[in-house]
PDB file of N, CA and C in Angstrom:
ATOM      1  N   MET A   1      37.530   2.963 -11.165  1.00  0.00           N
ATOM      2  CA  MET A   1      36.287   3.521 -11.690  1.00  0.00           C
ATOM      3  C   MET A   1      35.191   3.343 -10.639  1.00  0.00           C
ATOM      4  N   SER A   2      34.380   4.350 -10.412  1.00  0.00           N
ATOM      5  CA  SER A   2      33.336   4.292  -9.390  1.00  0.00           C
ATOM      6  C   SER A   2      32.175   3.417  -9.843  1.00  0.00           C
ATOM      7  N   ALA A   3      31.365   2.974  -8.845  1.00  0.00           N
ATOM      8  CA  ALA A   3      30.186   2.163  -9.149  1.00  0.00           C
ATOM      9  C   ALA A   3      29.218   2.939 -10.027  1.00  0.00           C
ATOM     10  N   SER A   4      29.109   4.245  -9.780  1.00  0.00           N
ATOM     11  CA  SER A   4      28.194   5.059 -10.591  1.00  0.00           C
ATOM     12  C   SER A   4      28.594   5.035 -12.052  1.00  0.00           C
ATOM     13  N   ALA A   5      29.890   5.149 -12.306  1.00  0.00           N
ATOM     14  CA  ALA A   5      30.364   5.127 -13.688  1.00  0.00           C
ATOM     15  C   ALA A   5      30.213   3.732 -14.289  1.00  0.00           C
ATOM     16  N   THR A   6      30.482   2.691 -13.494  1.00  0.00           N
ATOM     17  CA  THR A   6      30.396   1.318 -13.986  1.00  0.00           C
ATOM     18  C   THR A   6      28.969   0.943 -14.377  1.00  0.00           C
ATOM     19  N   TRP A   7      28.015   1.295 -13.552  1.00  0.00           N
ATOM     20  CA  TRP A   7      26.641   0.902 -13.772  1.00  0.00           C
ATOM     21  C   TRP A   7      25.821   1.960 -14.491  1.00  0.00           C
ATOM     22  N   GLY A   8      26.378   3.102 -14.755  1.00  0.00           N
ATOM     23  CA  GLY A   8      25.623   4.166 -15.412  1.00  0.00           C
ATOM     24  C   GLY A   8      24.595   4.800 -14.492  1.00  0.00           C
ATOM     25  N   ILE A   9      24.882   4.824 -13.215  1.00  0.00           N
ATOM     26  CA  ILE A   9      23.943   5.375 -12.239  1.00  0.00           C
ATOM     27  C   ILE A   9      23.920   6.885 -12.370  1.00  0.00           C
ATOM     28  N   LYS A  10      22.732   7.461 -12.486  1.00  0.00           N
ATOM     29  CA  LYS A  10      22.642   8.912 -12.593  1.00  0.00           C
ATOM     30  C   LYS A  10      22.140   9.568 -11.315  1.00  0.00           C
ATOM     31  N   LEU A  11      21.656   8.757 -10.348  1.00  0.00           N
ATOM     32  CA  LEU A  11      21.149   9.306  -9.101  1.00  0.00           C
ATOM     33  C   LEU A  11      21.284   8.254  -8.021  1.00  0.00           C
ATOM     34  N   GLU A  12      21.752   8.665  -6.861  1.00  0.00           N
ATOM     35  CA  GLU A  12      21.861   7.765  -5.718  1.00  0.00           C
ATOM     36  C   GLU A  12      21.212   8.418  -4.517  1.00  0.00           C
ATOM     37  N   ALA A  13      20.584   7.611  -3.680  1.00  0.00           N
ATOM     38  CA  ALA A  13      19.981   8.095  -2.440  1.00  0.00           C
ATOM     39  C   ALA A  13      19.899   6.917  -1.488  1.00  0.00           C
ATOM     40  N   GLU A  14      19.697   7.226  -0.228  1.00  0.00           N
ATOM     41  CA  GLU A  14      19.548   6.154   0.752  1.00  0.00           C
ATOM     42  C   GLU A  14      18.457   6.523   1.736  1.00  0.00           C
ATOM     43  N   SER A  15      17.924   5.496   2.412  1.00  0.00           N
ATOM     44  CA  SER A  15      16.929   5.713   3.454  1.00  0.00           C
ATOM     45  C   SER A  15      17.089   4.615   4.498  1.00  0.00           C
ATOM     46  N   LYS A  16      16.514   4.841   5.648  1.00  0.00           N
ATOM     47  CA  LYS A  16      16.617   3.920   6.775  1.00  0.00           C
ATOM     48  C   LYS A  16      15.393   3.009   6.814  1.00  0.00           C
ATOM     49  N   VAL A  17      15.600   1.746   7.190  1.00  0.00           N
ATOM     50  CA  VAL A  17      14.513   0.802   7.359  1.00  0.00           C
ATOM     51  C   VAL A  17      14.114   0.801   8.837  1.00  0.00           C
ATOM     52  N   THR A  18      12.809   0.938   9.123  1.00  0.00           N
ATOM     53  CA  THR A  18      12.329   0.975  10.498  1.00  0.00           C
ATOM     54  C   THR A  18      12.164  -0.439  11.044  1.00  0.00           C
ATOM     55  N   ARG A  19      11.800  -0.527  12.313  1.00  0.00           N
ATOM     56  CA  ARG A  19      11.551  -1.834  12.940  1.00  0.00           C
ATOM     57  C   ARG A  19      10.444  -2.589  12.225  1.00  0.00           C
ATOM     58  N   ARG A  20       9.543  -1.869  11.595  1.00  0.00           N
ATOM     59  CA  ARG A  20       8.431  -2.506  10.874  1.00  0.00           C
ATOM     60  C   ARG A  20       8.800  -2.756   9.411  1.00  0.00           C
ATOM     61  N   PHE A  21      10.072  -2.631   9.077  1.00  0.00           N
ATOM     62  CA  PHE A  21      10.575  -2.830   7.719  1.00  0.00           C
ATOM     63  C   PHE A  21       9.939  -1.869   6.727  1.00  0.00           C
ATOM     64  N   GLN A  22       9.687  -0.648   7.190  1.00  0.00           N
ATOM     65  CA  GLN A  22       9.170   0.406   6.331  1.00  0.00           C
ATOM     66  C   GLN A  22      10.277   1.433   6.116  1.00  0.00           C
ATOM     67  N   THR A  23      10.164   2.187   5.047  1.00  0.00           N
ATOM     68  CA  THR A  23      11.140   3.229   4.754  1.00  0.00           C
ATOM     69  C   THR A  23      10.445   4.362   4.012  1.00  0.00           C
ATOM     70  N   THR A  24      11.058   5.527   4.039  1.00  0.00           N
ATOM     71  CA  THR A  24      10.570   6.658   3.264  1.00  0.00           C
ATOM     72  C   THR A  24      11.381   6.727   1.980  1.00  0.00           C
ATOM     73  N   ILE A  25      10.702   6.862   0.881  1.00  0.00           N
ATOM     74  CA  ILE A  25      11.403   6.993  -0.402  1.00  0.00           C
ATOM     75  C   ILE A  25      11.947   8.413  -0.464  1.00  0.00           C
ATOM     76  N   PRO A  26      13.258   8.563  -0.625  1.00  0.00           N
ATOM     77  CA  PRO A  26      13.842   9.910  -0.656  1.00  0.00           C
ATOM     78  C   PRO A  26      13.201  10.782  -1.739  1.00  0.00           C
ATOM     79  N   ALA A  27      13.127  12.068  -1.457  1.00  0.00           N
ATOM     80  CA  ALA A  27      12.473  13.015  -2.370  1.00  0.00           C
ATOM     81  C   ALA A  27      13.058  12.963  -3.779  1.00  0.00           C
ATOM     82  N   ALA A  28      14.372  12.837  -3.879  1.00  0.00           N
ATOM     83  CA  ALA A  28      14.998  12.803  -5.214  1.00  0.00           C
ATOM     84  C   ALA A  28      14.530  11.585  -6.013  1.00  0.00           C
ATOM     85  N   ILE A  29      14.344  10.461  -5.327  1.00  0.00           N
ATOM     86  CA  ILE A  29      13.889   9.243  -6.000  1.00  0.00           C
ATOM     87  C   ILE A  29      12.404   9.380  -6.361  1.00  0.00           C
ATOM     88  N   ARG A  30      11.606   9.938  -5.439  1.00  0.00           N
ATOM     89  CA  ARG A  30      10.183  10.169  -5.745  1.00  0.00           C
ATOM     90  C   ARG A  30      10.051  11.032  -6.990  1.00  0.00           C
ATOM     91  N   LYS A  31      10.875  12.064  -7.065  1.00  0.00           N
ATOM     92  CA  LYS A  31      10.818  12.969  -8.219  1.00  0.00           C
ATOM     93  C   LYS A  31      11.255  12.251  -9.493  1.00  0.00           C
ATOM     94  N   ALA A  32      12.328  11.471  -9.401  1.00  0.00           N
ATOM     95  CA  ALA A  32      12.838  10.759 -10.575  1.00  0.00           C
ATOM     96  C   ALA A  32      11.829   9.740 -11.109  1.00  0.00           C
ATOM     97  N   LEU A  33      11.091   9.094 -10.187  1.00  0.00           N
ATOM     98  CA  LEU A  33      10.092   8.105 -10.596  1.00  0.00           C
ATOM     99  C   LEU A  33       8.722   8.719 -10.842  1.00  0.00           C
ATOM    100  N   ASN A  34       8.613  10.037 -10.605  1.00  0.00           N
ATOM    101  CA  ASN A  34       7.342  10.753 -10.770  1.00  0.00           C
ATOM    102  C   ASN A  34       6.252  10.118  -9.901  1.00  0.00           C
ATOM    103  N   LEU A  35       6.600   9.825  -8.646  1.00  0.00           N
ATOM    104  CA  LEU A  35       5.656   9.203  -7.721  1.00  0.00           C
ATOM    105  C   LEU A  35       4.781  10.257  -7.059  1.00  0.00           C
ATOM    106  N   THR A  36       3.531   9.910  -6.901  1.00  0.00           N
ATOM    107  CA  THR A  36       2.610  10.745  -6.151  1.00  0.00           C
ATOM    108  C   THR A  36       1.911   9.852  -5.121  1.00  0.00           C
ATOM    109  N   GLU A  37       1.178  10.473  -4.222  1.00  0.00           N
ATOM    110  CA  GLU A  37       0.485   9.739  -3.174  1.00  0.00           C
ATOM    111  C   GLU A  37      -0.395   8.644  -3.758  1.00  0.00           C
ATOM    112  N   ASN A  38      -0.360   7.478  -3.151  1.00  0.00           N
ATOM    113  CA  ASN A  38      -1.137   6.288  -3.530  1.00  0.00           C
ATOM    114  C   ASN A  38      -0.632   5.584  -4.783  1.00  0.00           C
ATOM    115  N   ASP A  39       0.462   6.059  -5.389  1.00  0.00           N
ATOM    116  CA  ASP A  39       1.064   5.303  -6.481  1.00  0.00           C
ATOM    117  C   ASP A  39       1.612   3.997  -5.922  1.00  0.00           C
ATOM    118  N   ARG A  40       1.781   3.029  -6.772  1.00  0.00           N
ATOM    119  CA  ARG A  40       2.350   1.746  -6.371  1.00  0.00           C
ATOM    120  C   ARG A  40       3.752   1.644  -6.956  1.00  0.00           C
ATOM    121  N   ILE A  41       4.631   1.007  -6.203  1.00  0.00           N
ATOM    122  CA  ILE A  41       5.982   0.778  -6.701  1.00  0.00           C
ATOM    123  C   ILE A  41       6.215  -0.720  -6.802  1.00  0.00           C
ATOM    124  N   GLN A  42       7.121  -1.080  -7.666  1.00  0.00           N
ATOM    125  CA  GLN A  42       7.406  -2.483  -7.933  1.00  0.00           C
ATOM    126  C   GLN A  42       8.884  -2.736  -7.670  1.00  0.00           C
ATOM    127  N   TYR A  43       9.183  -3.878  -7.060  1.00  0.00           N
ATOM    128  CA  TYR A  43      10.558  -4.261  -6.776  1.00  0.00           C
ATOM    129  C   TYR A  43      10.902  -5.497  -7.593  1.00  0.00           C
ATOM    130  N   LYS A  44      12.091  -5.499  -8.180  1.00  0.00           N
ATOM    131  CA  LYS A  44      12.593  -6.668  -8.893  1.00  0.00           C
ATOM    132  C   LYS A  44      13.983  -6.973  -8.363  1.00  0.00           C
ATOM    133  N   VAL A  45      14.197  -8.217  -7.914  1.00  0.00           N
ATOM    134  CA  VAL A  45      15.497  -8.625  -7.409  1.00  0.00           C
ATOM    135  C   VAL A  45      16.235  -9.322  -8.546  1.00  0.00           C
ATOM    136  N   LEU A  46      17.410  -8.792  -8.878  1.00  0.00           N
ATOM    137  CA  LEU A  46      18.228  -9.344  -9.952  1.00  0.00           C
ATOM    138  C   LEU A  46      19.021 -10.538  -9.427  1.00  0.00           C
ATOM    139  N   PRO A  47      19.506 -11.398 -10.322  1.00  0.00           N
ATOM    140  CA  PRO A  47      20.253 -12.584  -9.887  1.00  0.00           C
ATOM    141  C   PRO A  47      21.455 -12.266  -8.987  1.00  0.00           C
ATOM    142  N   ASP A  48      22.062 -11.102  -9.158  1.00  0.00           N
ATOM    143  CA  ASP A  48      23.233 -10.757  -8.340  1.00  0.00           C
ATOM    144  C   ASP A  48      22.843 -10.118  -7.004  1.00  0.00           C
ATOM    145  N   GLY A  49      21.524 -10.071  -6.697  1.00  0.00           N
ATOM    146  CA  GLY A  49      21.060  -9.544  -5.422  1.00  0.00           C
ATOM    147  C   GLY A  49      20.698  -8.074  -5.440  1.00  0.00           C
ATOM    148  N   GLN A  50      20.971  -7.377  -6.507  1.00  0.00           N
ATOM    149  CA  GLN A  50      20.586  -5.977  -6.591  1.00  0.00           C
ATOM    150  C   GLN A  50      19.076  -5.874  -6.799  1.00  0.00           C
ATOM    151  N   VAL A  51      18.525  -4.758  -6.351  1.00  0.00           N
ATOM    152  CA  VAL A  51      17.084  -4.550  -6.452  1.00  0.00           C
ATOM    153  C   VAL A  51      16.815  -3.351  -7.350  1.00  0.00           C
ATOM    154  N   VAL A  52      15.863  -3.515  -8.247  1.00  0.00           N
ATOM    155  CA  VAL A  52      15.423  -2.421  -9.113  1.00  0.00           C
ATOM    156  C   VAL A  52      14.044  -2.008  -8.621  1.00  0.00           C
ATOM    157  N   ILE A  53      13.891  -0.724  -8.353  1.00  0.00           N
ATOM    158  CA  ILE A  53      12.599  -0.186  -7.917  1.00  0.00           C
ATOM    159  C   ILE A  53      12.069   0.692  -9.042  1.00  0.00           C
ATOM    160  N   SER A  54      10.793   0.531  -9.343  1.00  0.00           N
ATOM    161  CA  SER A  54      10.189   1.335 -10.409  1.00  0.00           C
ATOM    162  C   SER A  54       8.745   1.638 -10.055  1.00  0.00           C
ATOM    163  N   ARG A  55       8.231   2.636 -10.707  1.00  0.00           N
ATOM    164  CA  ARG A  55       6.827   3.003 -10.537  1.00  0.00           C
ATOM    165  C   ARG A  55       5.993   1.975 -11.281  1.00  0.00           C
ATOM    166  N   GLN A  56       4.988   1.416 -10.620  1.00  0.00           N
ATOM    167  CA  GLN A  56       4.114   0.453 -11.273  1.00  0.00           C
ATOM    168  C   GLN A  56       3.151   1.215 -12.166  1.00  0.00           C
ATOM    169  N   LEU A  57       3.221   0.953 -13.448  1.00  0.00           N
ATOM    170  CA  LEU A  57       2.436   1.729 -14.405  1.00  0.00           C
ATOM    171  C   LEU A  57       1.020   1.219 -14.570  1.00  0.00           C
ATOM    172  N   GLU A  58       0.824  -0.068 -14.461  1.00  0.00           N
ATOM    173  CA  GLU A  58      -0.527  -0.580 -14.643  1.00  0.00           C
ATOM    174  C   GLU A  58      -1.043  -1.131 -13.328  1.00  0.00           C
ATOM    175  N   GLU A  59      -2.301  -0.968 -13.143  1.00  0.00           N
ATOM    176  CA  GLU A  59      -2.950  -1.411 -11.919  1.00  0.00           C
ATOM    177  C   GLU A  59      -3.213  -2.911 -12.019  1.00  0.00           C
ATOM    178  N   HIS A  60      -2.707  -3.659 -11.047  1.00  0.00           N
ATOM    179  CA  HIS A  60      -2.987  -5.091 -11.000  1.00  0.00           C
ATOM    180  C   HIS A  60      -4.214  -5.285 -10.138  1.00  0.00           C
ATOM    181  N   SER A  61      -5.172  -6.024 -10.634  1.00  0.00           N
ATOM    182  CA  SER A  61      -6.416  -6.169  -9.899  1.00  0.00           C
ATOM    183  C   SER A  61      -6.574  -7.594  -9.374  1.00  0.00           C
ATOM    184  N   ASP A  62      -7.352  -7.723  -8.340  1.00  0.00           N
ATOM    185  CA  ASP A  62      -7.650  -9.008  -7.721  1.00  0.00           C
ATOM    186  C   ASP A  62      -9.035  -9.432  -8.186  1.00  0.00           C
ATOM    187  N   PRO A  63      -9.146 -10.538  -8.926  1.00  0.00           N
ATOM    188  CA  PRO A  63     -10.453 -10.926  -9.472  1.00  0.00           C
ATOM    189  C   PRO A  63     -11.491 -11.229  -8.395  1.00  0.00           C
ATOM    190  N   VAL A  64     -11.065 -11.714  -7.240  1.00  0.00           N
ATOM    191  CA  VAL A  64     -12.019 -12.015  -6.165  1.00  0.00           C
ATOM    192  C   VAL A  64     -12.584 -10.717  -5.595  1.00  0.00           C
ATOM    193  N   ILE A  65     -11.695  -9.751  -5.327  1.00  0.00           N
ATOM    194  CA  ILE A  65     -12.157  -8.457  -4.812  1.00  0.00           C
ATOM    195  C   ILE A  65     -13.051  -7.773  -5.839  1.00  0.00           C
ATOM    196  N   ASN A  66     -12.644  -7.817  -7.103  1.00  0.00           N
ATOM    197  CA  ASN A  66     -13.453  -7.193  -8.156  1.00  0.00           C
ATOM    198  C   ASN A  66     -14.843  -7.815  -8.250  1.00  0.00           C
ATOM    199  N   ALA A  67     -14.910  -9.153  -8.142  1.00  0.00           N
ATOM    200  CA  ALA A  67     -16.206  -9.834  -8.197  1.00  0.00           C
ATOM    201  C   ALA A  67     -17.073  -9.423  -7.008  1.00  0.00           C
ATOM    202  N   PHE A  68     -16.459  -9.321  -5.819  1.00  0.00           N
ATOM    203  CA  PHE A  68     -17.210  -8.904  -4.628  1.00  0.00           C
ATOM    204  C   PHE A  68     -17.724  -7.475  -4.784  1.00  0.00           C
ATOM    205  N   LEU A  69     -16.854  -6.574  -5.247  1.00  0.00           N
ATOM    206  CA  LEU A  69     -17.269  -5.181  -5.420  1.00  0.00           C
ATOM    207  C   LEU A  69     -18.353  -5.047  -6.482  1.00  0.00           C
ATOM    208  N   ASP A  70     -18.260  -5.850  -7.534  1.00  0.00           N
ATOM    209  CA  ASP A  70     -19.317  -5.854  -8.559  1.00  0.00           C
ATOM    210  C   ASP A  70     -20.643  -6.309  -7.958  1.00  0.00           C
ATOM    211  N   PHE A  71     -20.577  -7.343  -7.105  1.00  0.00           N
ATOM    212  CA  PHE A  71     -21.784  -7.843  -6.434  1.00  0.00           C
ATOM    213  C   PHE A  71     -22.400  -6.762  -5.550  1.00  0.00           C
ATOM    214  N   VAL A  72     -21.550  -6.095  -4.744  1.00  0.00           N
ATOM    215  CA  VAL A  72     -22.041  -5.044  -3.847  1.00  0.00           C
ATOM    216  C   VAL A  72     -22.657  -3.904  -4.655  1.00  0.00           C
ATOM    217  N   GLU A  73     -21.978  -3.517  -5.732  1.00  0.00           N
ATOM    218  CA  GLU A  73     -22.511  -2.437  -6.567  1.00  0.00           C
ATOM    219  C   GLU A  73     -23.876  -2.804  -7.153  1.00  0.00           C
ATOM    220  N   ALA A  74     -23.981  -4.024  -7.687  1.00  0.00           N
ATOM    221  CA  ALA A  74     -25.258  -4.449  -8.276  1.00  0.00           C
ATOM    222  C   ALA A  74     -26.349  -4.497  -7.222  1.00  0.00           C
ATOM    223  N   ASP A  75     -26.011  -4.972  -6.017  1.00  0.00           N
ATOM    224  CA  ASP A  75     -27.005  -5.039  -4.945  1.00  0.00           C
ATOM    225  C   ASP A  75     -27.462  -3.640  -4.539  1.00  0.00           C
ATOM    226  N   MET A  76     -26.537  -2.704  -4.470  1.00  0.00           N
ATOM    227  CA  MET A  76     -26.888  -1.328  -4.105  1.00  0.00           C
ATOM    228  C   MET A  76     -27.777  -0.695  -5.171  1.00  0.00           C
ATOM    229  N   LEU A  77     -27.468  -0.964  -6.442  1.00  0.00           N
ATOM    230  CA  LEU A  77     -28.264  -0.393  -7.526  1.00  0.00           C
ATOM    231  C   LEU A  77     -29.648  -1.029  -7.612  1.00  0.00           C
ATOM    232  N   ASN A  78     -29.712  -2.350  -7.392  1.00  0.00           N
ATOM    233  CA  ASN A  78     -30.982  -3.072  -7.533  1.00  0.00           C
ATOM    234  C   ASN A  78     -31.857  -2.995  -6.287  1.00  0.00           C
ATOM    235  N   HIS A  79     -31.266  -2.713  -5.136  1.00  0.00           N
ATOM    236  CA  HIS A  79     -32.030  -2.684  -3.886  1.00  0.00           C
ATOM    237  C   HIS A  79     -31.612  -1.487  -3.027  1.00  0.00           C
ATOM    238  N   PRO A  80     -31.804  -0.269  -3.532  1.00  0.00           N
ATOM    239  CA  PRO A  80     -31.393   0.908  -2.749  1.00  0.00           C
ATOM    240  C   PRO A  80     -32.162   1.049  -1.436  1.00  0.00           C
ATOM    241  N   GLU A  81     -33.303   0.374  -1.345  1.00  0.00           N
ATOM    242  CA  GLU A  81     -34.081   0.437  -0.108  1.00  0.00           C
ATOM    243  C   GLU A  81     -33.356  -0.227   1.071  1.00  0.00           C
ATOM    244  N   ASN A  82     -32.375  -1.051   0.780  1.00  0.00           N
ATOM    245  CA  ASN A  82     -31.614  -1.723   1.842  1.00  0.00           C
ATOM    246  C   ASN A  82     -30.491  -0.859   2.406  1.00  0.00           C
ATOM    247  N   LEU A  83     -30.177   0.252   1.745  1.00  0.00           N
ATOM    248  CA  LEU A  83     -29.114   1.125   2.233  1.00  0.00           C
ATOM    249  C   LEU A  83     -29.602   1.896   3.449  1.00  0.00           C
ATOM    250  N   GLN A  84     -28.756   1.954   4.466  1.00  0.00           N
ATOM    251  CA  GLN A  84     -29.116   2.653   5.693  1.00  0.00           C
ATOM    252  C   GLN A  84     -27.994   3.608   6.075  1.00  0.00           C
ATOM    253  N   PRO A  85     -28.352   4.758   6.598  1.00  0.00           N
ATOM    254  CA  PRO A  85     -27.304   5.669   7.074  1.00  0.00           C
ATOM    255  C   PRO A  85     -26.689   5.129   8.358  1.00  0.00           C
ATOM    256  N   LEU A  86     -25.446   5.502   8.618  1.00  0.00           N
ATOM    257  CA  LEU A  86     -24.791   5.133   9.860  1.00  0.00           C
ATOM    258  C   LEU A  86     -25.378   5.994  10.969  1.00  0.00           C
ATOM    259  N   THR A  87     -26.034   5.349  11.906  1.00  0.00           N
ATOM    260  CA  THR A  87     -26.686   6.076  12.984  1.00  0.00           C
ATOM    261  C   THR A  87     -25.766   6.195  14.190  1.00  0.00           C
ATOM    262  N   LEU A  88     -26.140   7.034  15.125  1.00  0.00           N
ATOM    263  CA  LEU A  88     -25.388   7.178  16.361  1.00  0.00           C
ATOM    264  C   LEU A  88     -25.370   5.852  17.115  1.00  0.00           C
ATOM    265  N   ALA A  89     -26.485   5.129  17.112  1.00  0.00           N
ATOM    266  CA  ALA A  89     -26.557   3.829  17.799  1.00  0.00           C
ATOM    267  C   ALA A  89     -25.570   2.833  17.178  1.00  0.00           C
ATOM    268  N   MET A  90     -25.479   2.823  15.845  1.00  0.00           N
ATOM    269  CA  MET A  90     -24.517   1.929  15.183  1.00  0.00           C
ATOM    270  C   MET A  90     -23.086   2.316  15.563  1.00  0.00           C
ATOM    271  N   HIS A  91     -22.817   3.605  15.577  1.00  0.00           N
ATOM    272  CA  HIS A  91     -21.492   4.095  15.933  1.00  0.00           C
ATOM    273  C   HIS A  91     -21.133   3.673  17.357  1.00  0.00           C
ATOM    274  N   GLU A  92     -22.085   3.789  18.284  1.00  0.00           N
ATOM    275  CA  GLU A  92     -21.851   3.387  19.665  1.00  0.00           C
ATOM    276  C   GLU A  92     -21.612   1.882  19.763  1.00  0.00           C
ATOM    277  N   LYS A  93     -22.336   1.096  18.978  1.00  0.00           N
ATOM    278  CA  LYS A  93     -22.141  -0.356  18.978  1.00  0.00           C
ATOM    279  C   LYS A  93     -20.744  -0.715  18.463  1.00  0.00           C
ATOM    280  N   ILE A  94     -20.300  -0.021  17.438  1.00  0.00           N
ATOM    281  CA  ILE A  94     -18.945  -0.239  16.915  1.00  0.00           C
ATOM    282  C   ILE A  94     -17.921   0.060  18.005  1.00  0.00           C
ATOM    283  N   ASN A  95     -18.121   1.150  18.729  1.00  0.00           N
ATOM    284  CA  ASN A  95     -17.199   1.502  19.813  1.00  0.00           C
ATOM    285  C   ASN A  95     -17.176   0.433  20.894  1.00  0.00           C
ATOM    286  N   VAL A  96     -18.348  -0.132  21.231  1.00  0.00           N
ATOM    287  CA  VAL A  96     -18.408  -1.200  22.239  1.00  0.00           C
ATOM    288  C   VAL A  96     -17.670  -2.437  21.735  1.00  0.00           C
ATOM    289  N   LEU A  97     -17.895  -2.797  20.477  1.00  0.00           N
ATOM    290  CA  LEU A  97     -17.274  -3.996  19.912  1.00  0.00           C
ATOM    291  C   LEU A  97     -15.756  -3.871  19.786  1.00  0.00           C
ATOM    292  N   THR A  98     -15.262  -2.663  19.635  1.00  0.00           N
ATOM    293  CA  THR A  98     -13.815  -2.471  19.456  1.00  0.00           C
ATOM    294  C   THR A  98     -13.136  -1.934  20.710  1.00  0.00           C
ATOM    295  N   ALA A  99     -13.875  -1.778  21.793  1.00  0.00           N
ATOM    296  CA  ALA A  99     -13.294  -1.268  23.037  1.00  0.00           C
ATOM    297  C   ALA A  99     -12.204  -2.214  23.524  1.00  0.00           C
ATOM    298  N   GLY A 100     -11.114  -1.636  23.988  1.00  0.00           N
ATOM    299  CA  GLY A 100     -10.027  -2.438  24.541  1.00  0.00           C
ATOM    300  C   GLY A 100      -9.080  -3.024  23.511  1.00  0.00           C
ATOM    301  N   ILE A 101      -9.350  -2.782  22.251  1.00  0.00           N
ATOM    302  CA  ILE A 101      -8.447  -3.272  21.213  1.00  0.00           C
ATOM    303  C   ILE A 101      -7.364  -2.228  21.010  1.00  0.00           C
ATOM    304  N   ASP A 102      -6.139  -2.621  21.351  1.00  0.00           N
ATOM    305  CA  ASP A 102      -5.013  -1.715  21.209  1.00  0.00           C
ATOM    306  C   ASP A 102      -4.247  -2.064  19.947  1.00  0.00           C
ATOM    307  N   ILE A 103      -3.856  -1.044  19.217  1.00  0.00           N
ATOM    308  CA  ILE A 103      -3.071  -1.235  18.000  1.00  0.00           C
ATOM    309  C   ILE A 103      -1.768  -0.486  18.175  1.00  0.00           C
ATOM    310  N   ASP A 104      -0.667  -1.209  18.070  1.00  0.00           N
ATOM    311  CA  ASP A 104       0.660  -0.601  18.160  1.00  0.00           C
ATOM    312  C   ASP A 104       1.178  -0.411  16.736  1.00  0.00           C
ATOM    313  N   LEU A 105       1.147   0.817  16.259  1.00  0.00           N
ATOM    314  CA  LEU A 105       1.562   1.094  14.884  1.00  0.00           C
ATOM    315  C   LEU A 105       3.057   0.889  14.673  1.00  0.00           C
ATOM    316  N   ASP A 106       3.819   0.741  15.751  1.00  0.00           N
ATOM    317  CA  ASP A 106       5.254   0.499  15.632  1.00  0.00           C
ATOM    318  C   ASP A 106       5.623  -0.974  15.717  1.00  0.00           C
ATOM    319  N   SER A 107       4.644  -1.835  15.940  1.00  0.00           N
ATOM    320  CA  SER A 107       4.955  -3.267  16.046  1.00  0.00           C
ATOM    321  C   SER A 107       5.217  -3.841  14.654  1.00  0.00           C
ATOM    322  N   PRO A 108       6.071  -4.870  14.586  1.00  0.00           N
ATOM    323  CA  PRO A 108       6.371  -5.474  13.281  1.00  0.00           C
ATOM    324  C   PRO A 108       5.116  -6.083  12.655  1.00  0.00           C
ATOM    325  N   LEU A 109       5.055  -6.018  11.339  1.00  0.00           N
ATOM    326  CA  LEU A 109       3.939  -6.625  10.621  1.00  0.00           C
ATOM    327  C   LEU A 109       4.129  -8.129  10.556  1.00  0.00           C
ATOM    328  N   SER A 110       3.035  -8.870  10.624  1.00  0.00           N
ATOM    329  CA  SER A 110       3.114 -10.330  10.449  1.00  0.00           C
ATOM    330  C   SER A 110       3.226 -10.621   8.955  1.00  0.00           C
ATOM    331  N   ASP A 111       3.607 -11.851   8.629  1.00  0.00           N
ATOM    332  CA  ASP A 111       3.699 -12.237   7.219  1.00  0.00           C
ATOM    333  C   ASP A 111       2.358 -12.097   6.516  1.00  0.00           C
ATOM    334  N   ASP A 112       1.246 -12.290   7.254  1.00  0.00           N
ATOM    335  CA  ASP A 112      -0.091 -12.166   6.657  1.00  0.00           C
ATOM    336  C   ASP A 112      -0.425 -10.736   6.306  1.00  0.00           C
ATOM    337  N   ASP A 113       0.226  -9.748   6.968  1.00  0.00           N
ATOM    338  CA  ASP A 113      -0.056  -8.341   6.724  1.00  0.00           C
ATOM    339  C   ASP A 113       0.734  -7.780   5.552  1.00  0.00           C
ATOM    340  N   GLU A 114       1.700  -8.482   5.064  1.00  0.00           N
ATOM    341  CA  GLU A 114       2.557  -7.978   3.990  1.00  0.00           C
ATOM    342  C   GLU A 114       1.820  -7.952   2.686  1.00  0.00           C
TER     343      GLU A 114
END
């Protein structure tokens, strides 16, 4: 008996893992999970080592980030006079501060970036 019949699998697909441990979710799986851009997926590792991937239905929030964003929003609403447009001078300063910084998009991610 095949694995598909044993486990009740109705769809199988595969993808390659890159040097950065990234992969593309095959179109058939995206369709089956009804995934769209910016959706989140969740992984669950079963005791036997198998992995279940599913679409994350609820948004998990970070209370620290939420508190910071609430603070920024309140400050913007209460003190709109402090808001400034991004000027050409600011843009040039950003370019000076970031000059010489090279980013290799193919380099492996550190544990802190995961």
